[in-house]
Amino acid sequence: MYRINVKSDFSSAHQLHGYDGACRNMHGHNWKVRLEIMCSEVDEIGMAMDFNEVKIYLREMMERLDHKVLNELEPFNQVNPTSENIAKWLFEEFERRINIPGRSVTEVEIWESEKSSVIYSK
């Protein structure tokens, strides 16, 4: 098995409803995202998956989130935009686009700071 990892980032604001602490107030993060894809084989030139293809998927998703108030976007206007929920949502969005025979999204890691991250996998 091959594990392809690509990172990207976005900046956005959010607030956590029902949270008893400072994060209940609107605040922002410079988020970092890592997408991991598992591939069972390589193609005729020896590549499991073209990094540029993965970067396109990441860039499209980051553009949807960058410089936005997450609470105003689907699905975060109905569920708290916690790091956990963002990681799961990104995983499911990538899964819809990337999972084909021989390839699967295995995890998404998202950092809301240099010292705090969450990983979502199935």
PDB file of N, CA and C in Angstrom:
ATOM      1  N   MET A   1       0.834  -1.197   0.000  1.00  0.00           N
ATOM      2  CA  MET A   1       0.000   0.000   0.000  1.00  0.00           C
ATOM      3  C   MET A   1       0.876   1.256   0.000  1.00  0.00           C
ATOM      4  N   TYR A   2       0.372   2.263  -0.654  1.00  0.00           N
ATOM      5  CA  TYR A   2       1.020   3.571  -0.702  1.00  0.00           C
ATOM      6  C   TYR A   2       0.098   4.565  -0.015  1.00  0.00           C
ATOM      7  N   ARG A   3       0.694   5.457   0.757  1.00  0.00           N
ATOM      8  CA  ARG A   3      -0.082   6.511   1.414  1.00  0.00           C
ATOM      9  C   ARG A   3       0.384   7.853   0.888  1.00  0.00           C
ATOM     10  N   ILE A   4      -0.522   8.534   0.228  1.00  0.00           N
ATOM     11  CA  ILE A   4      -0.261   9.851  -0.348  1.00  0.00           C
ATOM     12  C   ILE A   4      -0.750  10.888   0.665  1.00  0.00           C
ATOM     13  N   ASN A   5       0.097  11.843   0.992  1.00  0.00           N
ATOM     14  CA  ASN A   5      -0.262  12.916   1.920  1.00  0.00           C
ATOM     15  C   ASN A   5      -0.010  14.259   1.252  1.00  0.00           C
ATOM     16  N   VAL A   6      -1.010  15.121   1.327  1.00  0.00           N
ATOM     17  CA  VAL A   6      -0.887  16.477   0.795  1.00  0.00           C
ATOM     18  C   VAL A   6      -1.490  17.425   1.823  1.00  0.00           C
ATOM     19  N   LYS A   7      -0.822  18.568   2.009  1.00  0.00           N
ATOM     20  CA  LYS A   7      -1.277  19.564   2.982  1.00  0.00           C
ATOM     21  C   LYS A   7      -1.712  20.842   2.285  1.00  0.00           C
ATOM     22  N   SER A   8      -2.606  21.554   2.954  1.00  0.00           N
ATOM     23  CA  SER A   8      -3.038  22.863   2.495  1.00  0.00           C
ATOM     24  C   SER A   8      -3.477  23.666   3.716  1.00  0.00           C
ATOM     25  N   ASP A   9      -4.043  24.840   3.488  1.00  0.00           N
ATOM     26  CA  ASP A   9      -4.484  25.674   4.605  1.00  0.00           C
ATOM     27  C   ASP A   9      -5.585  26.624   4.159  1.00  0.00           C
ATOM     28  N   PHE A  10      -6.257  27.183   5.147  1.00  0.00           N
ATOM     29  CA  PHE A  10      -7.259  28.208   4.910  1.00  0.00           C
ATOM     30  C   PHE A  10      -7.421  29.019   6.187  1.00  0.00           C
ATOM     31  N   SER A  11      -7.937  30.212   6.056  1.00  0.00           N
ATOM     32  CA  SER A  11      -8.223  31.076   7.198  1.00  0.00           C
ATOM     33  C   SER A  11      -9.722  31.300   7.259  1.00  0.00           C
ATOM     34  N   SER A  12     -10.283  31.182   8.457  1.00  0.00           N
ATOM     35  CA  SER A  12     -11.716  31.414   8.597  1.00  0.00           C
ATOM     36  C   SER A  12     -12.047  31.742  10.042  1.00  0.00           C
ATOM     37  N   ALA A  13     -13.273  32.197  10.230  1.00  0.00           N
ATOM     38  CA  ALA A  13     -13.773  32.506  11.568  1.00  0.00           C
ATOM     39  C   ALA A  13     -14.893  31.531  11.910  1.00  0.00           C
ATOM     40  N   HIS A  14     -15.090  31.334  13.202  1.00  0.00           N
ATOM     41  CA  HIS A  14     -16.213  30.521  13.672  1.00  0.00           C
ATOM     42  C   HIS A  14     -16.485  30.839  15.130  1.00  0.00           C
ATOM     43  N   GLN A  15     -17.613  30.352  15.610  1.00  0.00           N
ATOM     44  CA  GLN A  15     -17.916  30.400  17.032  1.00  0.00           C
ATOM     45  C   GLN A  15     -18.625  29.097  17.377  1.00  0.00           C
ATOM     46  N   LEU A  16     -18.392  28.625  18.595  1.00  0.00           N
ATOM     47  CA  LEU A  16     -18.945  27.349  19.018  1.00  0.00           C
ATOM     48  C   LEU A  16     -20.149  27.575  19.915  1.00  0.00           C
ATOM     49  N   HIS A  17     -21.307  27.187  19.430  1.00  0.00           N
ATOM     50  CA  HIS A  17     -22.541  27.314  20.201  1.00  0.00           C
ATOM     51  C   HIS A  17     -22.585  26.246  21.276  1.00  0.00           C
ATOM     52  N   GLY A  18     -23.046  26.626  22.469  1.00  0.00           N
ATOM     53  CA  GLY A  18     -23.159  25.679  23.576  1.00  0.00           C
ATOM     54  C   GLY A  18     -21.866  25.429  24.310  1.00  0.00           C
ATOM     55  N   TYR A  19     -20.802  26.110  23.922  1.00  0.00           N
ATOM     56  CA  TYR A  19     -19.504  25.934  24.556  1.00  0.00           C
ATOM     57  C   TYR A  19     -19.360  26.963  25.674  1.00  0.00           C
ATOM     58  N   ASP A  20     -18.945  26.518  26.845  1.00  0.00           N
ATOM     59  CA  ASP A  20     -18.785  27.407  27.993  1.00  0.00           C
ATOM     60  C   ASP A  20     -17.322  27.830  28.096  1.00  0.00           C
ATOM     61  N   GLY A  21     -16.945  28.770  27.278  1.00  0.00           N
ATOM     62  CA  GLY A  21     -15.568  29.264  27.263  1.00  0.00           C
ATOM     63  C   GLY A  21     -15.434  30.319  26.188  1.00  0.00           C
ATOM     64  N   ALA A  22     -14.216  30.795  26.001  1.00  0.00           N
ATOM     65  CA  ALA A  22     -13.961  31.900  25.074  1.00  0.00           C
ATOM     66  C   ALA A  22     -14.349  31.573  23.630  1.00  0.00           C
ATOM     67  N   CYS A  23     -14.302  30.308  23.256  1.00  0.00           N
ATOM     68  CA  CYS A  23     -14.602  29.939  21.864  1.00  0.00           C
ATOM     69  C   CYS A  23     -16.074  30.069  21.504  1.00  0.00           C
ATOM     70  N   ARG A  24     -16.911  30.434  22.474  1.00  0.00           N
ATOM     71  CA  ARG A  24     -18.313  30.719  22.138  1.00  0.00           C
ATOM     72  C   ARG A  24     -18.409  32.058  21.410  1.00  0.00           C
ATOM     73  N   ASN A  25     -17.368  32.873  21.529  1.00  0.00           N
ATOM     74  CA  ASN A  25     -17.305  34.154  20.821  1.00  0.00           C
ATOM     75  C   ASN A  25     -16.695  33.949  19.432  1.00  0.00           C
ATOM     76  N   MET A  26     -17.070  34.803  18.500  1.00  0.00           N
ATOM     77  CA  MET A  26     -16.504  34.746  17.160  1.00  0.00           C
ATOM     78  C   MET A  26     -14.995  34.941  17.251  1.00  0.00           C
ATOM     79  N   HIS A  27     -14.250  34.073  16.582  1.00  0.00           N
ATOM     80  CA  HIS A  27     -12.787  34.155  16.530  1.00  0.00           C
ATOM     81  C   HIS A  27     -12.300  33.444  15.279  1.00  0.00           C
ATOM     82  N   GLY A  28     -11.050  33.625  14.958  1.00  0.00           N
ATOM     83  CA  GLY A  28     -10.523  33.048  13.730  1.00  0.00           C
ATOM     84  C   GLY A  28      -9.341  32.128  13.956  1.00  0.00           C
ATOM     85  N   HIS A  29      -9.077  31.326  12.937  1.00  0.00           N
ATOM     86  CA  HIS A  29      -7.926  30.424  12.932  1.00  0.00           C
ATOM     87  C   HIS A  29      -7.291  30.442  11.554  1.00  0.00           C
ATOM     88  N   ASN A  30      -6.021  30.137  11.528  1.00  0.00           N
ATOM     89  CA  ASN A  30      -5.319  29.809  10.295  1.00  0.00           C
ATOM     90  C   ASN A  30      -5.186  28.292  10.307  1.00  0.00           C
ATOM     91  N   TRP A  31      -6.158  27.616   9.710  1.00  0.00           N
ATOM     92  CA  TRP A  31      -6.258  26.168   9.739  1.00  0.00           C
ATOM     93  C   TRP A  31      -5.259  25.542   8.783  1.00  0.00           C
ATOM     94  N   LYS A  32      -4.748  24.385   9.153  1.00  0.00           N
ATOM     95  CA  LYS A  32      -3.940  23.559   8.256  1.00  0.00           C
ATOM     96  C   LYS A  32      -4.666  22.239   8.087  1.00  0.00           C
ATOM     97  N   VAL A  33      -4.599  21.700   6.885  1.00  0.00           N
ATOM     98  CA  VAL A  33      -5.299  20.457   6.571  1.00  0.00           C
ATOM     99  C   VAL A  33      -4.325  19.496   5.896  1.00  0.00           C
ATOM    100  N   ARG A  34      -4.381  18.237   6.319  1.00  0.00           N
ATOM    101  CA  ARG A  34      -3.618  17.173   5.660  1.00  0.00           C
ATOM    102  C   ARG A  34      -4.590  16.095   5.225  1.00  0.00           C
ATOM    103  N   LEU A  35      -4.515  15.742   3.965  1.00  0.00           N
ATOM    104  CA  LEU A  35      -5.346  14.696   3.386  1.00  0.00           C
ATOM    105  C   LEU A  35      -4.460  13.496   3.095  1.00  0.00           C
ATOM    106  N   GLU A  36      -4.899  12.310   3.545  1.00  0.00           N
ATOM    107  CA  GLU A  36      -4.159  11.083   3.249  1.00  0.00           C
ATOM    108  C   GLU A  36      -5.033  10.167   2.405  1.00  0.00           C
ATOM    109  N   ILE A  37      -4.437   9.652   1.335  1.00  0.00           N
ATOM    110  CA  ILE A  37      -5.114   8.733   0.425  1.00  0.00           C
ATOM    111  C   ILE A  37      -4.283   7.463   0.332  1.00  0.00           C
ATOM    112  N   MET A  38      -4.932   6.321   0.469  1.00  0.00           N
ATOM    113  CA  MET A  38      -4.241   5.045   0.339  1.00  0.00           C
ATOM    114  C   MET A  38      -4.483   4.500  -1.059  1.00  0.00           C
ATOM    115  N   CYS A  39      -3.412   4.063  -1.684  1.00  0.00           N
ATOM    116  CA  CYS A  39      -3.479   3.500  -3.027  1.00  0.00           C
ATOM    117  C   CYS A  39      -2.851   2.114  -3.000  1.00  0.00           C
ATOM    118  N   SER A  40      -3.506   1.171  -3.662  1.00  0.00           N
ATOM    119  CA  SER A  40      -3.022  -0.203  -3.624  1.00  0.00           C
ATOM    120  C   SER A  40      -2.001  -0.517  -4.715  1.00  0.00           C
ATOM    121  N   GLU A  41      -1.912   0.336  -5.715  1.00  0.00           N
ATOM    122  CA  GLU A  41      -0.977   0.051  -6.803  1.00  0.00           C
ATOM    123  C   GLU A  41      -0.504   1.344  -7.442  1.00  0.00           C
ATOM    124  N   VAL A  42       0.481   1.214  -8.293  1.00  0.00           N
ATOM    125  CA  VAL A  42       1.000   2.354  -9.048  1.00  0.00           C
ATOM    126  C   VAL A  42       0.630   2.180 -10.516  1.00  0.00           C
ATOM    127  N   ASP A  43       0.652   3.289 -11.239  1.00  0.00           N
ATOM    128  CA  ASP A  43       0.332   3.224 -12.662  1.00  0.00           C
ATOM    129  C   ASP A  43       1.565   2.817 -13.465  1.00  0.00           C
ATOM    130  N   GLU A  44       1.456   2.914 -14.785  1.00  0.00           N
ATOM    131  CA  GLU A  44       2.535   2.451 -15.669  1.00  0.00           C
ATOM    132  C   GLU A  44       3.821   3.257 -15.530  1.00  0.00           C
ATOM    133  N   ILE A  45       3.744   4.473 -14.982  1.00  0.00           N
ATOM    134  CA  ILE A  45       4.982   5.249 -14.782  1.00  0.00           C
ATOM    135  C   ILE A  45       5.456   5.218 -13.333  1.00  0.00           C
ATOM    136  N   GLY A  46       4.753   4.446 -12.499  1.00  0.00           N
ATOM    137  CA  GLY A  46       5.200   4.271 -11.122  1.00  0.00           C
ATOM    138  C   GLY A  46       4.591   5.223 -10.106  1.00  0.00           C
ATOM    139  N   MET A  47       3.474   5.879 -10.460  1.00  0.00           N
ATOM    140  CA  MET A  47       2.822   6.802  -9.533  1.00  0.00           C
ATOM    141  C   MET A  47       1.557   6.173  -8.969  1.00  0.00           C
ATOM    142  N   ALA A  48       1.378   6.298  -7.659  1.00  0.00           N
ATOM    143  CA  ALA A  48       0.149   5.822  -7.026  1.00  0.00           C
ATOM    144  C   ALA A  48      -0.991   6.790  -7.325  1.00  0.00           C
ATOM    145  N   MET A  49      -0.717   8.082  -7.208  1.00  0.00           N
ATOM    146  CA  MET A  49      -1.681   9.133  -7.546  1.00  0.00           C
ATOM    147  C   MET A  49      -0.895  10.415  -7.747  1.00  0.00           C
ATOM    148  N   ASP A  50      -1.245  11.152  -8.745  1.00  0.00           N
ATOM    149  CA  ASP A  50      -0.563  12.400  -9.059  1.00  0.00           C
ATOM    150  C   ASP A  50      -0.823  13.421  -7.949  1.00  0.00           C
ATOM    151  N   PHE A  51       0.239  13.924  -7.331  1.00  0.00           N
ATOM    152  CA  PHE A  51       0.093  14.933  -6.284  1.00  0.00           C
ATOM    153  C   PHE A  51      -0.707  16.138  -6.783  1.00  0.00           C
ATOM    154  N   ASN A  52      -0.508  16.500  -8.051  1.00  0.00           N
ATOM    155  CA  ASN A  52      -1.230  17.658  -8.590  1.00  0.00           C
ATOM    156  C   ASN A  52      -2.737  17.436  -8.581  1.00  0.00           C
ATOM    157  N   GLU A  53      -3.168  16.215  -8.836  1.00  0.00           N
ATOM    158  CA  GLU A  53      -4.596  15.902  -8.792  1.00  0.00           C
ATOM    159  C   GLU A  53      -5.140  16.097  -7.384  1.00  0.00           C
ATOM    160  N   VAL A  54      -4.398  15.630  -6.392  1.00  0.00           N
ATOM    161  CA  VAL A  54      -4.815  15.789  -4.994  1.00  0.00           C
ATOM    162  C   VAL A  54      -4.828  17.271  -4.620  1.00  0.00           C
ATOM    163  N   LYS A  55      -3.823  18.007  -5.064  1.00  0.00           N
ATOM    164  CA  LYS A  55      -3.755  19.443  -4.764  1.00  0.00           C
ATOM    165  C   LYS A  55      -4.948  20.196  -5.333  1.00  0.00           C
ATOM    166  N   ILE A  56      -5.433  19.783  -6.491  1.00  0.00           N
ATOM    167  CA  ILE A  56      -6.614  20.418  -7.081  1.00  0.00           C
ATOM    168  C   ILE A  56      -7.819  20.221  -6.170  1.00  0.00           C
ATOM    169  N   TYR A  57      -8.035  18.987  -5.697  1.00  0.00           N
ATOM    170  CA  TYR A  57      -9.153  18.715  -4.792  1.00  0.00           C
ATOM    171  C   TYR A  57      -9.026  19.554  -3.519  1.00  0.00           C
ATOM    172  N   LEU A  58      -7.829  19.593  -2.959  1.00  0.00           N
ATOM    173  CA  LEU A  58      -7.617  20.366  -1.741  1.00  0.00           C
ATOM    174  C   LEU A  58      -7.865  21.845  -1.973  1.00  0.00           C
ATOM    175  N   ARG A  59      -7.331  22.373  -3.052  1.00  0.00           N
ATOM    176  CA  ARG A  59      -7.491  23.806  -3.340  1.00  0.00           C
ATOM    177  C   ARG A  59      -8.969  24.169  -3.489  1.00  0.00           C
ATOM    178  N   GLU A  60      -9.735  23.323  -4.189  1.00  0.00           N
ATOM    179  CA  GLU A  60     -11.162  23.589  -4.356  1.00  0.00           C
ATOM    180  C   GLU A  60     -11.882  23.644  -3.011  1.00  0.00           C
ATOM    181  N   MET A  61     -11.549  22.717  -2.127  1.00  0.00           N
ATOM    182  CA  MET A  61     -12.196  22.700  -0.811  1.00  0.00           C
ATOM    183  C   MET A  61     -11.754  23.874   0.042  1.00  0.00           C
ATOM    184  N   MET A  62     -10.484  24.233  -0.014  1.00  0.00           N
ATOM    185  CA  MET A  62      -9.988  25.342   0.787  1.00  0.00           C
ATOM    186  C   MET A  62     -10.617  26.650   0.336  1.00  0.00           C
ATOM    187  N   GLU A  63     -10.850  26.796  -0.975  1.00  0.00           N
ATOM    188  CA  GLU A  63     -11.500  28.004  -1.485  1.00  0.00           C
ATOM    189  C   GLU A  63     -12.921  28.145  -0.957  1.00  0.00           C
ATOM    190  N   ARG A  64     -13.595  27.022  -0.719  1.00  0.00           N
ATOM    191  CA  ARG A  64     -14.955  27.070  -0.169  1.00  0.00           C
ATOM    192  C   ARG A  64     -14.970  27.573   1.270  1.00  0.00           C
ATOM    193  N   LEU A  65     -13.839  27.412   1.984  1.00  0.00           N
ATOM    194  CA  LEU A  65     -13.771  27.757   3.403  1.00  0.00           C
ATOM    195  C   LEU A  65     -12.982  29.027   3.698  1.00  0.00           C
ATOM    196  N   ASP A  66     -12.085  29.391   2.806  1.00  0.00           N
ATOM    197  CA  ASP A  66     -11.147  30.471   3.076  1.00  0.00           C
ATOM    198  C   ASP A  66     -11.837  31.825   3.205  1.00  0.00           C
ATOM    199  N   HIS A  67     -11.476  32.533   4.265  1.00  0.00           N
ATOM    200  CA  HIS A  67     -11.997  33.864   4.565  1.00  0.00           C
ATOM    201  C   HIS A  67     -13.522  33.898   4.629  1.00  0.00           C
ATOM    202  N   LYS A  68     -14.066  32.860   5.230  1.00  0.00           N
ATOM    203  CA  LYS A  68     -15.504  32.764   5.435  1.00  0.00           C
ATOM    204  C   LYS A  68     -15.792  32.625   6.928  1.00  0.00           C
ATOM    205  N   VAL A  69     -17.023  32.905   7.300  1.00  0.00           N
ATOM    206  CA  VAL A  69     -17.519  32.586   8.637  1.00  0.00           C
ATOM    207  C   VAL A  69     -18.135  31.200   8.518  1.00  0.00           C
ATOM    208  N   LEU A  70     -17.497  30.216   9.117  1.00  0.00           N
ATOM    209  CA  LEU A  70     -17.923  28.833   8.932  1.00  0.00           C
ATOM    210  C   LEU A  70     -19.363  28.598   9.376  1.00  0.00           C
ATOM    211  N   ASN A  71     -19.795  29.285  10.410  1.00  0.00           N
ATOM    212  CA  ASN A  71     -21.163  29.117  10.911  1.00  0.00           C
ATOM    213  C   ASN A  71     -22.223  29.471   9.866  1.00  0.00           C
ATOM    214  N   GLU A  72     -21.845  30.199   8.841  1.00  0.00           N
ATOM    215  CA  GLU A  72     -22.784  30.604   7.805  1.00  0.00           C
ATOM    216  C   GLU A  72     -22.834  29.626   6.630  1.00  0.00           C
ATOM    217  N   LEU A  73     -21.940  28.639   6.618  1.00  0.00           N
ATOM    218  CA  LEU A  73     -21.847  27.682   5.515  1.00  0.00           C
ATOM    219  C   LEU A  73     -22.515  26.362   5.868  1.00  0.00           C
ATOM    220  N   GLU A  74     -23.061  25.682   4.843  1.00  0.00           N
ATOM    221  CA  GLU A  74     -23.529  24.303   5.023  1.00  0.00           C
ATOM    222  C   GLU A  74     -22.316  23.421   5.265  1.00  0.00           C
ATOM    223  N   PRO A  75     -22.319  22.496   6.140  1.00  0.00           N
ATOM    224  CA  PRO A  75     -23.365  22.114   7.074  1.00  0.00           C
ATOM    225  C   PRO A  75     -23.227  22.804   8.429  1.00  0.00           C
ATOM    226  N   PHE A  76     -22.281  23.758   8.523  1.00  0.00           N
ATOM    227  CA  PHE A  76     -21.950  24.339   9.828  1.00  0.00           C
ATOM    228  C   PHE A  76     -22.944  25.376  10.310  1.00  0.00           C
ATOM    229  N   ASN A  77     -23.937  25.648   9.491  1.00  0.00           N
ATOM    230  CA  ASN A  77     -25.037  26.472   9.979  1.00  0.00           C
ATOM    231  C   ASN A  77     -26.030  25.605  10.762  1.00  0.00           C
ATOM    232  N   GLN A  78     -25.779  24.285  10.777  1.00  0.00           N
ATOM    233  CA  GLN A  78     -26.632  23.369  11.540  1.00  0.00           C
ATOM    234  C   GLN A  78     -25.852  22.551  12.570  1.00  0.00           C
ATOM    235  N   VAL A  79     -24.553  22.357  12.358  1.00  0.00           N
ATOM    236  CA  VAL A  79     -23.700  21.661  13.332  1.00  0.00           C
ATOM    237  C   VAL A  79     -22.534  22.578  13.679  1.00  0.00           C
ATOM    238  N   ASN A  80     -22.071  22.491  14.913  1.00  0.00           N
ATOM    239  CA  ASN A  80     -20.966  23.329  15.343  1.00  0.00           C
ATOM    240  C   ASN A  80     -19.736  23.124  14.458  1.00  0.00           C
ATOM    241  N   PRO A  81     -19.091  24.207  14.047  1.00  0.00           N
ATOM    242  CA  PRO A  81     -17.881  24.082  13.244  1.00  0.00           C
ATOM    243  C   PRO A  81     -16.640  23.810  14.117  1.00  0.00           C
ATOM    244  N   THR A  82     -16.718  22.711  14.865  1.00  0.00           N
ATOM    245  CA  THR A  82     -15.568  22.283  15.657  1.00  0.00           C
ATOM    246  C   THR A  82     -14.527  21.686  14.726  1.00  0.00           C
ATOM    247  N   SER A  83     -13.307  21.569  15.202  1.00  0.00           N
ATOM    248  CA  SER A  83     -12.269  20.910  14.396  1.00  0.00           C
ATOM    249  C   SER A  83     -12.699  19.504  14.022  1.00  0.00           C
ATOM    250  N   GLU A  84     -13.348  18.816  14.958  1.00  0.00           N
ATOM    251  CA  GLU A  84     -13.811  17.450  14.701  1.00  0.00           C
ATOM    252  C   GLU A  84     -14.823  17.409  13.561  1.00  0.00           C
ATOM    253  N   ASN A  85     -15.811  18.302  13.612  1.00  0.00           N
ATOM    254  CA  ASN A  85     -16.837  18.321  12.568  1.00  0.00           C
ATOM    255  C   ASN A  85     -16.281  18.774  11.222  1.00  0.00           C
ATOM    256  N   ILE A  86     -15.341  19.693  11.239  1.00  0.00           N
ATOM    257  CA  ILE A  86     -14.717  20.139   9.989  1.00  0.00           C
ATOM    258  C   ILE A  86     -13.920  18.996   9.371  1.00  0.00           C
ATOM    259  N   ALA A  87     -13.154  18.278  10.181  1.00  0.00           N
ATOM    260  CA  ALA A  87     -12.353  17.152   9.679  1.00  0.00           C
ATOM    261  C   ALA A  87     -13.254  16.074   9.076  1.00  0.00           C
ATOM    262  N   LYS A  88     -14.345  15.747   9.749  1.00  0.00           N
ATOM    263  CA  LYS A  88     -15.271  14.725   9.238  1.00  0.00           C
ATOM    264  C   LYS A  88     -15.913  15.179   7.931  1.00  0.00           C
ATOM    265  N   TRP A  89     -16.354  16.423   7.880  1.00  0.00           N
ATOM    266  CA  TRP A  89     -16.977  16.952   6.670  1.00  0.00           C
ATOM    267  C   TRP A  89     -15.998  16.925   5.497  1.00  0.00           C
ATOM    268  N   LEU A  90     -14.755  17.387   5.738  1.00  0.00           N
ATOM    269  CA  LEU A  90     -13.754  17.356   4.670  1.00  0.00           C
ATOM    270  C   LEU A  90     -13.500  15.925   4.208  1.00  0.00           C
ATOM    271  N   PHE A  91     -13.373  14.998   5.150  1.00  0.00           N
ATOM    272  CA  PHE A  91     -13.163  13.595   4.813  1.00  0.00           C
ATOM    273  C   PHE A  91     -14.266  13.114   3.872  1.00  0.00           C
ATOM    274  N   GLU A  92     -15.500  13.370   4.240  1.00  0.00           N
ATOM    275  CA  GLU A  92     -16.634  12.891   3.434  1.00  0.00           C
ATOM    276  C   GLU A  92     -16.679  13.557   2.065  1.00  0.00           C
ATOM    277  N   GLU A  93     -16.336  14.836   2.000  1.00  0.00           N
ATOM    278  CA  GLU A  93     -16.293  15.523   0.709  1.00  0.00           C
ATOM    279  C   GLU A  93     -15.196  14.947  -0.178  1.00  0.00           C
ATOM    280  N   PHE A  94     -14.015  14.720   0.375  1.00  0.00           N
ATOM    281  CA  PHE A  94     -12.922  14.127  -0.401  1.00  0.00           C
ATOM    282  C   PHE A  94     -13.258  12.699  -0.803  1.00  0.00           C
ATOM    283  N   GLU A  95     -13.885  11.971   0.095  1.00  0.00           N
ATOM    284  CA  GLU A  95     -14.253  10.587  -0.160  1.00  0.00           C
ATOM    285  C   GLU A  95     -15.160  10.483  -1.391  1.00  0.00           C
ATOM    286  N   ARG A  96     -16.096  11.415  -1.534  1.00  0.00           N
ATOM    287  CA  ARG A  96     -16.999  11.413  -2.686  1.00  0.00           C
ATOM    288  C   ARG A  96     -16.251  11.585  -4.005  1.00  0.00           C
ATOM    289  N   ARG A  97     -15.158  12.313  -3.982  1.00  0.00           N
ATOM    290  CA  ARG A  97     -14.432  12.627  -5.217  1.00  0.00           C
ATOM    291  C   ARG A  97     -13.300  11.662  -5.531  1.00  0.00           C
ATOM    292  N   ILE A  98     -12.670  11.114  -4.495  1.00  0.00           N
ATOM    293  CA  ILE A  98     -11.414  10.389  -4.704  1.00  0.00           C
ATOM    294  C   ILE A  98     -11.564   8.876  -4.665  1.00  0.00           C
ATOM    295  N   ASN A  99     -12.498   8.356  -3.895  1.00  0.00           N
ATOM    296  CA  ASN A  99     -12.594   6.903  -3.746  1.00  0.00           C
ATOM    297  C   ASN A  99     -12.995   6.228  -5.055  1.00  0.00           C
ATOM    298  N   ILE A 100     -12.053   5.495  -5.614  1.00  0.00           N
ATOM    299  CA  ILE A 100     -12.280   4.657  -6.789  1.00  0.00           C
ATOM    300  C   ILE A 100     -11.551   3.353  -6.507  1.00  0.00           C
ATOM    301  N   PRO A 101     -11.809   2.315  -7.260  1.00  0.00           N
ATOM    302  CA  PRO A 101     -11.090   1.063  -6.991  1.00  0.00           C
ATOM    303  C   PRO A 101      -9.581   1.287  -6.938  1.00  0.00           C
ATOM    304  N   GLY A 102      -8.977   0.809  -5.865  1.00  0.00           N
ATOM    305  CA  GLY A 102      -7.536   0.958  -5.683  1.00  0.00           C
ATOM    306  C   GLY A 102      -7.119   2.210  -4.937  1.00  0.00           C
ATOM    307  N   ARG A 103      -8.065   3.118  -4.675  1.00  0.00           N
ATOM    308  CA  ARG A 103      -7.778   4.370  -3.949  1.00  0.00           C
ATOM    309  C   ARG A 103      -8.851   4.616  -2.905  1.00  0.00           C
ATOM    310  N   SER A 104      -8.430   5.109  -1.761  1.00  0.00           N
ATOM    311  CA  SER A 104      -9.423   5.509  -0.764  1.00  0.00           C
ATOM    312  C   SER A 104      -8.845   6.569   0.163  1.00  0.00           C
ATOM    313  N   VAL A 105      -9.703   7.483   0.556  1.00  0.00           N
ATOM    314  CA  VAL A 105      -9.322   8.469   1.558  1.00  0.00           C
ATOM    315  C   VAL A 105      -9.212   7.719   2.884  1.00  0.00           C
ATOM    316  N   THR A 106      -8.096   7.870   3.566  1.00  0.00           N
ATOM    317  CA  THR A 106      -7.922   7.158   4.835  1.00  0.00           C
ATOM    318  C   THR A 106      -8.027   8.073   6.037  1.00  0.00           C
ATOM    319  N   GLU A 107      -7.603   9.327   5.898  1.00  0.00           N
ATOM    320  CA  GLU A 107      -7.770  10.244   7.020  1.00  0.00           C
ATOM    321  C   GLU A 107      -7.596  11.680   6.584  1.00  0.00           C
ATOM    322  N   VAL A 108      -8.204  12.543   7.388  1.00  0.00           N
ATOM    323  CA  VAL A 108      -8.020  13.984   7.259  1.00  0.00           C
ATOM    324  C   VAL A 108      -7.589  14.487   8.631  1.00  0.00           C
ATOM    325  N   GLU A 109      -6.498  15.238   8.644  1.00  0.00           N
ATOM    326  CA  GLU A 109      -6.040  15.876   9.876  1.00  0.00           C
ATOM    327  C   GLU A 109      -6.191  17.367   9.696  1.00  0.00           C
ATOM    328  N   ILE A 110      -6.718  18.018  10.736  1.00  0.00           N
ATOM    329  CA  ILE A 110      -6.895  19.462  10.682  1.00  0.00           C
ATOM    330  C   ILE A 110      -6.337  20.075  11.960  1.00  0.00           C
ATOM    331  N   TRP A 111      -5.514  21.108  11.778  1.00  0.00           N
ATOM    332  CA  TRP A 111      -4.939  21.850  12.895  1.00  0.00           C
ATOM    333  C   TRP A 111      -5.639  23.196  12.991  1.00  0.00           C
ATOM    334  N   GLU A 112      -6.063  23.561  14.197  1.00  0.00           N
ATOM    335  CA  GLU A 112      -6.582  24.910  14.389  1.00  0.00           C
ATOM    336  C   GLU A 112      -5.507  25.810  14.977  1.00  0.00           C
ATOM    337  N   SER A 113      -4.409  25.203  15.406  1.00  0.00           N
ATOM    338  CA  SER A 113      -3.236  25.947  15.870  1.00  0.00           C
ATOM    339  C   SER A 113      -2.024  25.055  15.667  1.00  0.00           C
ATOM    340  N   GLU A 114      -0.858  25.594  15.923  1.00  0.00           N
ATOM    341  CA  GLU A 114       0.379  24.814  15.779  1.00  0.00           C
ATOM    342  C   GLU A 114       0.447  23.634  16.740  1.00  0.00           C
ATOM    343  N   LYS A 115      -0.299  23.701  17.820  1.00  0.00           N
ATOM    344  CA  LYS A 115      -0.198  22.677  18.861  1.00  0.00           C
ATOM    345  C   LYS A 115      -1.431  21.800  18.993  1.00  0.00           C
ATOM    346  N   SER A 116      -2.482  22.056  18.210  1.00  0.00           N
ATOM    347  CA  SER A 116      -3.738  21.316  18.381  1.00  0.00           C
ATOM    348  C   SER A 116      -4.278  20.847  17.044  1.00  0.00           C
ATOM    349  N   SER A 117      -4.479  19.523  16.942  1.00  0.00           N
ATOM    350  CA  SER A 117      -5.063  18.972  15.719  1.00  0.00           C
ATOM    351  C   SER A 117      -5.997  17.833  16.057  1.00  0.00           C
ATOM    352  N   VAL A 118      -6.810  17.473  15.092  1.00  0.00           N
ATOM    353  CA  VAL A 118      -7.683  16.313  15.209  1.00  0.00           C
ATOM    354  C   VAL A 118      -7.599  15.540  13.895  1.00  0.00           C
ATOM    355  N   ILE A 119      -7.672  14.217  13.994  1.00  0.00           N
ATOM    356  CA  ILE A 119      -7.661  13.354  12.810  1.00  0.00           C
ATOM    357  C   ILE A 119      -8.999  12.638  12.743  1.00  0.00           C
ATOM    358  N   TYR A 120      -9.597  12.656  11.550  1.00  0.00           N
ATOM    359  CA  TYR A 120     -10.801  11.878  11.317  1.00  0.00           C
ATOM    360  C   TYR A 120     -10.465  10.789  10.306  1.00  0.00           C
ATOM    361  N   SER A 121     -10.856   9.563  10.630  1.00  0.00           N
ATOM    362  CA  SER A 121     -10.699   8.427   9.716  1.00  0.00           C
ATOM    363  C   SER A 121     -11.847   7.468   9.947  1.00  0.00           C
ATOM    364  N   LYS A 122     -12.019   6.565   9.017  1.00  0.00           N
ATOM    365  CA  LYS A 122     -13.073   5.540   9.176  1.00  0.00           C
ATOM    366  C   LYS A 122     -12.444   4.207   9.451  1.00  0.00           C
TER     367      LYS A 122
END
